[in-house]
Amino acid sequence: MIGNVLKPDGTVHIEQQVGNMRYDLTTGQVETVVPAAGATNLVFGADGH
């Protein structure tokens, strides 16, 4: 799934999610996505945040 994501700083990034990994195609960053209750996901970057 490729989608546009509005970040907290107001920028728009293009991201692709494969399994539990989310790739930011704009910056090259990779995040881990952990499903939580309902439609909520926990997202962790390389620095653990």
PDB file of N, CA and C in Angstrom:
ATOM      1  N   MET A   1       0.837  -1.163   0.000  1.00  0.00           N
ATOM      2  CA  MET A   1       0.000   0.000   0.000  1.00  0.00           C
ATOM      3  C   MET A   1       0.895   1.243   0.000  1.00  0.00           C
ATOM      4  N   ILE A   2       0.706   2.118  -0.959  1.00  0.00           N
ATOM      5  CA  ILE A   2       1.427   3.392  -1.014  1.00  0.00           C
ATOM      6  C   ILE A   2       0.427   4.498  -0.726  1.00  0.00           C
ATOM      7  N   GLY A   3       0.807   5.414   0.159  1.00  0.00           N
ATOM      8  CA  GLY A   3      -0.115   6.488   0.509  1.00  0.00           C
ATOM      9  C   GLY A   3       0.606   7.758   0.888  1.00  0.00           C
ATOM     10  N   ASN A   4      -0.119   8.846   0.850  1.00  0.00           N
ATOM     11  CA  ASN A   4       0.391  10.140   1.299  1.00  0.00           C
ATOM     12  C   ASN A   4       0.092  10.287   2.782  1.00  0.00           C
ATOM     13  N   VAL A   5       1.076  10.747   3.545  1.00  0.00           N
ATOM     14  CA  VAL A   5       0.933  10.888   4.990  1.00  0.00           C
ATOM     15  C   VAL A   5       1.280  12.317   5.382  1.00  0.00           C
ATOM     16  N   LEU A   6       0.381  12.962   6.119  1.00  0.00           N
ATOM     17  CA  LEU A   6       0.632  14.301   6.644  1.00  0.00           C
ATOM     18  C   LEU A   6       1.340  14.155   7.988  1.00  0.00           C
ATOM     19  N   LYS A   7       2.570  14.622   8.061  1.00  0.00           N
ATOM     20  CA  LYS A   7       3.378  14.514   9.276  1.00  0.00           C
ATOM     21  C   LYS A   7       3.051  15.665  10.227  1.00  0.00           C
ATOM     22  N   PRO A   8       3.406  15.527  11.516  1.00  0.00           N
ATOM     23  CA  PRO A   8       3.115  16.574  12.505  1.00  0.00           C
ATOM     24  C   PRO A   8       3.737  17.936  12.173  1.00  0.00           C
ATOM     25  N   ASP A   9       4.838  17.939  11.412  1.00  0.00           N
ATOM     26  CA  ASP A   9       5.474  19.216  11.066  1.00  0.00           C
ATOM     27  C   ASP A   9       4.829  19.893   9.853  1.00  0.00           C
ATOM     28  N   GLY A  10       3.756  19.292   9.311  1.00  0.00           N
ATOM     29  CA  GLY A  10       3.020  19.891   8.205  1.00  0.00           C
ATOM     30  C   GLY A  10       3.465  19.446   6.823  1.00  0.00           C
ATOM     31  N   THR A  11       4.494  18.614   6.738  1.00  0.00           N
ATOM     32  CA  THR A  11       4.953  18.126   5.440  1.00  0.00           C
ATOM     33  C   THR A  11       4.172  16.877   5.040  1.00  0.00           C
ATOM     34  N   VAL A  12       4.124  16.615   3.736  1.00  0.00           N
ATOM     35  CA  VAL A  12       3.453  15.425   3.218  1.00  0.00           C
ATOM     36  C   VAL A  12       4.520  14.476   2.695  1.00  0.00           C
ATOM     37  N   HIS A  13       4.470  13.226   3.130  1.00  0.00           N
ATOM     38  CA  HIS A  13       5.432  12.215   2.719  1.00  0.00           C
ATOM     39  C   HIS A  13       4.699  11.091   2.001  1.00  0.00           C
ATOM     40  N   ILE A  14       5.398  10.422   1.091  1.00  0.00           N
ATOM     41  CA  ILE A  14       4.865   9.239   0.422  1.00  0.00           C
ATOM     42  C   ILE A  14       5.430   8.031   1.158  1.00  0.00           C
ATOM     43  N   GLU A  15       4.541   7.148   1.625  1.00  0.00           N
ATOM     44  CA  GLU A  15       4.968   5.975   2.381  1.00  0.00           C
ATOM     45  C   GLU A  15       4.384   4.707   1.785  1.00  0.00           C
ATOM     46  N   GLN A  16       5.136   3.615   1.932  1.00  0.00           N
ATOM     47  CA  GLN A  16       4.671   2.297   1.522  1.00  0.00           C
ATOM     48  C   GLN A  16       4.811   1.366   2.713  1.00  0.00           C
ATOM     49  N   GLN A  17       3.767   0.578   2.978  1.00  0.00           N
ATOM     50  CA  GLN A  17       3.818  -0.373   4.080  1.00  0.00           C
ATOM     51  C   GLN A  17       3.773  -1.785   3.523  1.00  0.00           C
ATOM     52  N   VAL A  18       4.745  -2.601   3.944  1.00  0.00           N
ATOM     53  CA  VAL A  18       4.816  -4.005   3.559  1.00  0.00           C
ATOM     54  C   VAL A  18       4.921  -4.802   4.848  1.00  0.00           C
ATOM     55  N   GLY A  19       3.899  -5.592   5.141  1.00  0.00           N
ATOM     56  CA  GLY A  19       3.879  -6.333   6.400  1.00  0.00           C
ATOM     57  C   GLY A  19       3.880  -5.365   7.565  1.00  0.00           C
ATOM     58  N   ASN A  20       4.844  -5.525   8.473  1.00  0.00           N
ATOM     59  CA  ASN A  20       4.904  -4.624   9.626  1.00  0.00           C
ATOM     60  C   ASN A  20       6.002  -3.563   9.477  1.00  0.00           C
ATOM     61  N   MET A  21       6.490  -3.363   8.254  1.00  0.00           N
ATOM     62  CA  MET A  21       7.508  -2.344   7.997  1.00  0.00           C
ATOM     63  C   MET A  21       6.907  -1.229   7.146  1.00  0.00           C
ATOM     64  N   ARG A  22       7.143   0.016   7.545  1.00  0.00           N
ATOM     65  CA  ARG A  22       6.651   1.176   6.801  1.00  0.00           C
ATOM     66  C   ARG A  22       7.856   1.953   6.284  1.00  0.00           C
ATOM     67  N   TYR A  23       7.927   2.120   4.971  1.00  0.00           N
ATOM     68  CA  TYR A  23       9.040   2.798   4.318  1.00  0.00           C
ATOM     69  C   TYR A  23       8.607   4.190   3.881  1.00  0.00           C
ATOM     70  N   ASP A  24       9.327   5.209   4.329  1.00  0.00           N
ATOM     71  CA  ASP A  24       9.069   6.583   3.908  1.00  0.00           C
ATOM     72  C   ASP A  24       9.861   6.799   2.625  1.00  0.00           C
ATOM     73  N   LEU A  25       9.171   6.847   1.492  1.00  0.00           N
ATOM     74  CA  LEU A  25       9.834   6.980   0.201  1.00  0.00           C
ATOM     75  C   LEU A  25      10.367   8.388  -0.032  1.00  0.00           C
ATOM     76  N   THR A  26       9.972   9.339   0.795  1.00  0.00           N
ATOM     77  CA  THR A  26      10.446  10.716   0.683  1.00  0.00           C
ATOM     78  C   THR A  26      11.800  10.882   1.363  1.00  0.00           C
ATOM     79  N   THR A  27      11.955  10.310   2.565  1.00  0.00           N
ATOM     80  CA  THR A  27      13.192  10.494   3.340  1.00  0.00           C
ATOM     81  C   THR A  27      14.064   9.249   3.408  1.00  0.00           C
ATOM     82  N   GLY A  28      13.508   8.078   3.094  1.00  0.00           N
ATOM     83  CA  GLY A  28      14.262   6.832   3.183  1.00  0.00           C
ATOM     84  C   GLY A  28      14.223   6.187   4.557  1.00  0.00           C
ATOM     85  N   GLN A  29      13.485   6.761   5.498  1.00  0.00           N
ATOM     86  CA  GLN A  29      13.404   6.193   6.840  1.00  0.00           C
ATOM     87  C   GLN A  29      12.498   4.964   6.849  1.00  0.00           C
ATOM     88  N   VAL A  30      12.796   4.047   7.768  1.00  0.00           N
ATOM     89  CA  VAL A  30      12.007   2.831   7.929  1.00  0.00           C
ATOM     90  C   VAL A  30      11.477   2.791   9.352  1.00  0.00           C
ATOM     91  N   GLU A  31      10.192   2.433   9.501  1.00  0.00           N
ATOM     92  CA  GLU A  31       9.561   2.337  10.812  1.00  0.00           C
ATOM     93  C   GLU A  31       8.905   0.969  10.946  1.00  0.00           C
ATOM     94  N   THR A  32       8.808   0.482  12.179  1.00  0.00           N
ATOM     95  CA  THR A  32       8.121  -0.766  12.474  1.00  0.00           C
ATOM     96  C   THR A  32       6.728  -0.445  12.978  1.00  0.00           C
ATOM     97  N   VAL A  33       5.724  -1.120  12.419  1.00  0.00           N
ATOM     98  CA  VAL A  33       4.330  -0.896  12.787  1.00  0.00           C
ATOM     99  C   VAL A  33       3.838  -2.107  13.573  1.00  0.00           C
ATOM    100  N   VAL A  34       3.296  -1.861  14.778  1.00  0.00           N
ATOM    101  CA  VAL A  34       2.763  -2.922  15.629  1.00  0.00           C
ATOM    102  C   VAL A  34       1.268  -2.674  15.812  1.00  0.00           C
ATOM    103  N   PRO A  35       0.420  -3.607  15.352  1.00  0.00           N
ATOM    104  CA  PRO A  35      -1.028  -3.426  15.525  1.00  0.00           C
ATOM    105  C   PRO A  35      -1.400  -3.344  17.003  1.00  0.00           C
ATOM    106  N   ALA A  36      -2.326  -2.449  17.316  1.00  0.00           N
ATOM    107  CA  ALA A  36      -2.833  -2.301  18.681  1.00  0.00           C
ATOM    108  C   ALA A  36      -4.347  -2.457  18.637  1.00  0.00           C
ATOM    109  N   ALA A  37      -5.030  -2.013  19.652  1.00  0.00           N
ATOM    110  CA  ALA A  37      -6.481  -2.179  19.749  1.00  0.00           C
ATOM    111  C   ALA A  37      -7.209  -1.425  18.640  1.00  0.00           C
ATOM    112  N   GLY A  38      -8.188  -2.071  18.036  1.00  0.00           N
ATOM    113  CA  GLY A  38      -9.005  -1.431  17.006  1.00  0.00           C
ATOM    114  C   GLY A  38      -8.188  -1.078  15.783  1.00  0.00           C
ATOM    115  N   ALA A  39      -8.365   0.136  15.289  1.00  0.00           N
ATOM    116  CA  ALA A  39      -7.652   0.593  14.095  1.00  0.00           C
ATOM    117  C   ALA A  39      -6.377   1.349  14.452  1.00  0.00           C
ATOM    118  N   THR A  40      -5.919   1.231  15.689  1.00  0.00           N
ATOM    119  CA  THR A  40      -4.741   1.947  16.164  1.00  0.00           C
ATOM    120  C   THR A  40      -3.480   1.130  15.907  1.00  0.00           C
ATOM    121  N   ASN A  41      -2.412   1.794  15.483  1.00  0.00           N
ATOM    122  CA  ASN A  41      -1.114   1.160  15.304  1.00  0.00           C
ATOM    123  C   ASN A  41      -0.074   1.904  16.122  1.00  0.00           C
ATOM    124  N   LEU A  42       0.875   1.164  16.685  1.00  0.00           N
ATOM    125  CA  LEU A  42       2.038   1.760  17.335  1.00  0.00           C
ATOM    126  C   LEU A  42       3.155   1.771  16.306  1.00  0.00           C
ATOM    127  N   VAL A  43       3.858   2.896  16.151  1.00  0.00           N
ATOM    128  CA  VAL A  43       4.907   3.023  15.143  1.00  0.00           C
ATOM    129  C   VAL A  43       6.213   3.365  15.838  1.00  0.00           C
ATOM    130  N   PHE A  44       7.270   2.586  15.525  1.00  0.00           N
ATOM    131  CA  PHE A  44       8.586   2.789  16.121  1.00  0.00           C
ATOM    132  C   PHE A  44       9.603   3.024  15.017  1.00  0.00           C
ATOM    133  N   GLY A  45      10.397   4.083  15.147  1.00  0.00           N
ATOM    134  CA  GLY A  45      11.460   4.374  14.194  1.00  0.00           C
ATOM    135  C   GLY A  45      12.745   3.673  14.594  1.00  0.00           C
ATOM    136  N   ALA A  46      13.803   3.919  13.847  1.00  0.00           N
ATOM    137  CA  ALA A  46      15.095   3.287  14.105  1.00  0.00           C
ATOM    138  C   ALA A  46      15.652   3.652  15.473  1.00  0.00           C
ATOM    139  N   ASP A  47      15.285   4.829  15.992  1.00  0.00           N
ATOM    140  CA  ASP A  47      15.779   5.259  17.295  1.00  0.00           C
ATOM    141  C   ASP A  47      14.920   4.751  18.452  1.00  0.00           C
ATOM    142  N   GLY A  48      13.909   3.939  18.139  1.00  0.00           N
ATOM    143  CA  GLY A  48      13.058   3.379  19.189  1.00  0.00           C
ATOM    144  C   GLY A  48      11.882   4.242  19.577  1.00  0.00           C
ATOM    145  N   HIS A  49      11.730   5.397  18.976  1.00  0.00           N
ATOM    146  CA  HIS A  49      10.615   6.304  19.287  1.00  0.00           C
ATOM    147  C   HIS A  49       9.542   6.188  18.237  1.00  0.00           C
TER     148      HIS A  49
END
